[in-house]
Amino acid sequence: MFGELIKEKRNSRGISLREFCRRIGADSSNWSKTERGLLYPPREEGTLRKIAKVLGIEVGSKDWLELKDKAYIGAGRIPGDILSDAGLLQLLPLLFQALRNEKPTLD
């Protein structure tokens, strides 16, 4: 998910893997593994902002939210803005049940 998104955006801008890594301060061999889904994506806001800048993604845009969400999903985490909202947290079990094709209940 995350790696595919980054690779697609990087290639569409004509940025090589090595150049991309130089710009964000990452090791190209490890980053290649991230793009292939073999390593967890970064979740640190600063790193994601660097990635967004190189890829021409405006912070706060729909593309920015997709980038962040896919980074969290790829790392097996729930995004911080969801975790900090008590109302949304209460709804997560319903979402998980629906995704599993189970009848949602608020037990």
C-alpha atoms as a PDB file:
ATOM      1  CA  MET A   1       0.000   0.000   0.000  1.00  0.00           C
ATOM      2  CA  PHE A   2       2.383   2.692   1.248  1.00  0.00           C
ATOM      3  CA  GLY A   3       5.350   1.528  -0.778  1.00  0.00           C
ATOM      4  CA  GLU A   4       3.303   1.223  -3.950  1.00  0.00           C
ATOM      5  CA  LEU A   5       1.959   4.749  -3.459  1.00  0.00           C
ATOM      6  CA  ILE A   6       5.429   6.213  -2.931  1.00  0.00           C
ATOM      7  CA  LYS A   7       6.953   4.351  -5.865  1.00  0.00           C
ATOM      8  CA  GLU A   8       4.118   5.432  -8.161  1.00  0.00           C
ATOM      9  CA  LYS A   9       4.398   9.091  -7.120  1.00  0.00           C
ATOM     10  CA  ARG A  10       8.203   8.993  -7.286  1.00  0.00           C
ATOM     11  CA  ASN A  11       8.224   7.471 -10.768  1.00  0.00           C
ATOM     12  CA  SER A  12       5.556   9.869 -12.045  1.00  0.00           C
ATOM     13  CA  ARG A  13       7.838  12.744 -11.036  1.00  0.00           C
ATOM     14  CA  GLY A  14      10.861  11.088 -12.679  1.00  0.00           C
ATOM     15  CA  ILE A  15      12.795  10.752  -9.425  1.00  0.00           C
ATOM     16  CA  SER A  16      15.151   7.786  -9.156  1.00  0.00           C
ATOM     17  CA  LEU A  17      15.240   5.705  -5.997  1.00  0.00           C
ATOM     18  CA  ARG A  18      18.740   6.962  -5.134  1.00  0.00           C
ATOM     19  CA  GLU A  19      17.813  10.608  -5.691  1.00  0.00           C
ATOM     20  CA  PHE A  20      14.629  10.236  -3.656  1.00  0.00           C
ATOM     21  CA  CYS A  21      16.571   8.686  -0.788  1.00  0.00           C
ATOM     22  CA  ARG A  22      19.215  11.392  -0.951  1.00  0.00           C
ATOM     23  CA  ARG A  23      16.508  14.047  -0.657  1.00  0.00           C
ATOM     24  CA  ILE A  24      14.759  12.441   2.323  1.00  0.00           C
ATOM     25  CA  GLY A  25      17.962  11.238   4.019  1.00  0.00           C
ATOM     26  CA  ALA A  26      17.253   7.502   3.754  1.00  0.00           C
ATOM     27  CA  ASP A  27      19.336   4.483   2.809  1.00  0.00           C
ATOM     28  CA  SER A  28      18.364   3.367  -0.707  1.00  0.00           C
ATOM     29  CA  SER A  29      18.659  -0.377  -0.025  1.00  0.00           C
ATOM     30  CA  ASN A  30      16.365  -0.126   3.001  1.00  0.00           C
ATOM     31  CA  TRP A  31      14.001   2.216   1.196  1.00  0.00           C
ATOM     32  CA  SER A  32      13.726  -0.241  -1.674  1.00  0.00           C
ATOM     33  CA  LYS A  33      12.530  -2.803   0.870  1.00  0.00           C
ATOM     34  CA  THR A  34       9.985  -0.294   2.166  1.00  0.00           C
ATOM     35  CA  GLU A  35       8.642   0.270  -1.334  1.00  0.00           C
ATOM     36  CA  ARG A  36       8.319  -3.494  -1.784  1.00  0.00           C
ATOM     37  CA  GLY A  37       6.491  -3.878   1.538  1.00  0.00           C
ATOM     38  CA  LEU A  38       9.320  -5.799   3.223  1.00  0.00           C
ATOM     39  CA  LEU A  39       9.986  -3.106   5.847  1.00  0.00           C
ATOM     40  CA  TYR A  40       7.482  -1.027   7.781  1.00  0.00           C
ATOM     41  CA  PRO A  41       6.924   2.476   6.428  1.00  0.00           C
ATOM     42  CA  PRO A  42       7.987   5.454   8.515  1.00  0.00           C
ATOM     43  CA  ARG A  43       5.361   6.983  10.800  1.00  0.00           C
ATOM     44  CA  GLU A  44       7.306   9.966  12.072  1.00  0.00           C
ATOM     45  CA  GLU A  45       5.644  13.214  11.042  1.00  0.00           C
ATOM     46  CA  GLY A  46       8.956  14.824  10.065  1.00  0.00           C
ATOM     47  CA  THR A  47       9.915  11.975   7.747  1.00  0.00           C
ATOM     48  CA  LEU A  48       6.465  11.901   6.175  1.00  0.00           C
ATOM     49  CA  ARG A  49       6.686  15.660   5.610  1.00  0.00           C
ATOM     50  CA  LYS A  50      10.046  15.248   3.847  1.00  0.00           C
ATOM     51  CA  ILE A  51       8.554  12.540   1.633  1.00  0.00           C
ATOM     52  CA  ALA A  52       5.545  14.710   0.863  1.00  0.00           C
ATOM     53  CA  LYS A  53       7.733  17.679  -0.059  1.00  0.00           C
ATOM     54  CA  VAL A  54       9.867  15.624  -2.459  1.00  0.00           C
ATOM     55  CA  LEU A  55       6.733  14.165  -4.055  1.00  0.00           C
ATOM     56  CA  GLY A  56       4.974  17.513  -4.341  1.00  0.00           C
ATOM     57  CA  ILE A  57       2.251  16.586  -1.869  1.00  0.00           C
ATOM     58  CA  GLU A  58       0.804  19.499   0.098  1.00  0.00           C
ATOM     59  CA  VAL A  59       0.539  18.874   3.831  1.00  0.00           C
ATOM     60  CA  GLY A  60      -3.136  18.790   4.788  1.00  0.00           C
ATOM     61  CA  SER A  61      -4.314  17.745   1.320  1.00  0.00           C
ATOM     62  CA  LYS A  62      -6.221  14.576   0.473  1.00  0.00           C
ATOM     63  CA  ASP A  63      -2.977  13.068  -0.869  1.00  0.00           C
ATOM     64  CA  TRP A  64      -1.246  13.929   2.420  1.00  0.00           C
ATOM     65  CA  LEU A  65      -3.909  12.140   4.436  1.00  0.00           C
ATOM     66  CA  GLU A  66      -3.652   9.115   2.143  1.00  0.00           C
ATOM     67  CA  LEU A  67       0.146   9.074   2.577  1.00  0.00           C
ATOM     68  CA  LYS A  68      -0.146   9.241   6.380  1.00  0.00           C
ATOM     69  CA  ASP A  69      -2.949   6.693   6.598  1.00  0.00           C
ATOM     70  CA  LYS A  70      -1.092   4.201   4.409  1.00  0.00           C
ATOM     71  CA  ALA A  71       2.066   4.667   6.479  1.00  0.00           C
ATOM     72  CA  TYR A  72       0.140   3.846   9.664  1.00  0.00           C
ATOM     73  CA  ILE A  73      -1.724   0.947   8.090  1.00  0.00           C
ATOM     74  CA  GLY A  74       1.545  -0.460   6.738  1.00  0.00           C
ATOM     75  CA  ALA A  75       2.994  -0.353  10.226  1.00  0.00           C
ATOM     76  CA  GLY A  76      -0.076  -2.027  11.732  1.00  0.00           C
ATOM     77  CA  ARG A  77      -1.045   1.094  13.656  1.00  0.00           C
ATOM     78  CA  ILE A  78      -4.137   3.245  14.034  1.00  0.00           C
ATOM     79  CA  PRO A  79      -3.530   6.891  13.061  1.00  0.00           C
ATOM     80  CA  GLY A  80      -3.060   9.270  15.976  1.00  0.00           C
ATOM     81  CA  ASP A  81      -5.963  11.513  15.020  1.00  0.00           C
ATOM     82  CA  ILE A  82      -8.292   8.494  15.311  1.00  0.00           C
ATOM     83  CA  LEU A  83      -6.766   7.395  18.624  1.00  0.00           C
ATOM     84  CA  SER A  84      -7.182  10.858  20.102  1.00  0.00           C
ATOM     85  CA  ASP A  85     -10.919  11.003  19.326  1.00  0.00           C
ATOM     86  CA  ALA A  86     -12.889   9.138  22.014  1.00  0.00           C
ATOM     87  CA  GLY A  87     -16.019   9.001  19.858  1.00  0.00           C
ATOM     88  CA  LEU A  88     -14.189   7.418  16.946  1.00  0.00           C
ATOM     89  CA  LEU A  89     -12.445   4.960  19.243  1.00  0.00           C
ATOM     90  CA  GLN A  90     -15.805   3.688  20.450  1.00  0.00           C
ATOM     91  CA  LEU A  91     -16.839   3.076  16.832  1.00  0.00           C
ATOM     92  CA  LEU A  92     -13.740   1.093  15.838  1.00  0.00           C
ATOM     93  CA  PRO A  93     -15.120  -2.264  17.030  1.00  0.00           C
ATOM     94  CA  LEU A  94     -18.173  -1.715  14.795  1.00  0.00           C
ATOM     95  CA  LEU A  95     -15.936  -0.955  11.854  1.00  0.00           C
ATOM     96  CA  PHE A  96     -13.824  -4.059  12.478  1.00  0.00           C
ATOM     97  CA  GLN A  97     -16.952  -6.224  12.707  1.00  0.00           C
ATOM     98  CA  ALA A  98     -18.308  -4.800   9.454  1.00  0.00           C
ATOM     99  CA  LEU A  99     -14.984  -5.363   7.703  1.00  0.00           C
ATOM    100  CA  ARG A 100     -15.101  -8.988   8.817  1.00  0.00           C
ATOM    101  CA  ASN A 101     -18.637  -9.308   7.389  1.00  0.00           C
ATOM    102  CA  GLU A 102     -20.002  -9.800  10.898  1.00  0.00           C
ATOM    103  CA  LYS A 103     -23.197  -8.196  12.133  1.00  0.00           C
ATOM    104  CA  PRO A 104     -22.038  -5.070  13.983  1.00  0.00           C
ATOM    105  CA  THR A 105     -23.021  -4.874  17.664  1.00  0.00           C
ATOM    106  CA  LEU A 106     -22.111  -2.429  20.404  1.00  0.00           C
ATOM    107  CA  ASP A 107     -21.576  -5.089  23.104  1.00  0.00           C
END
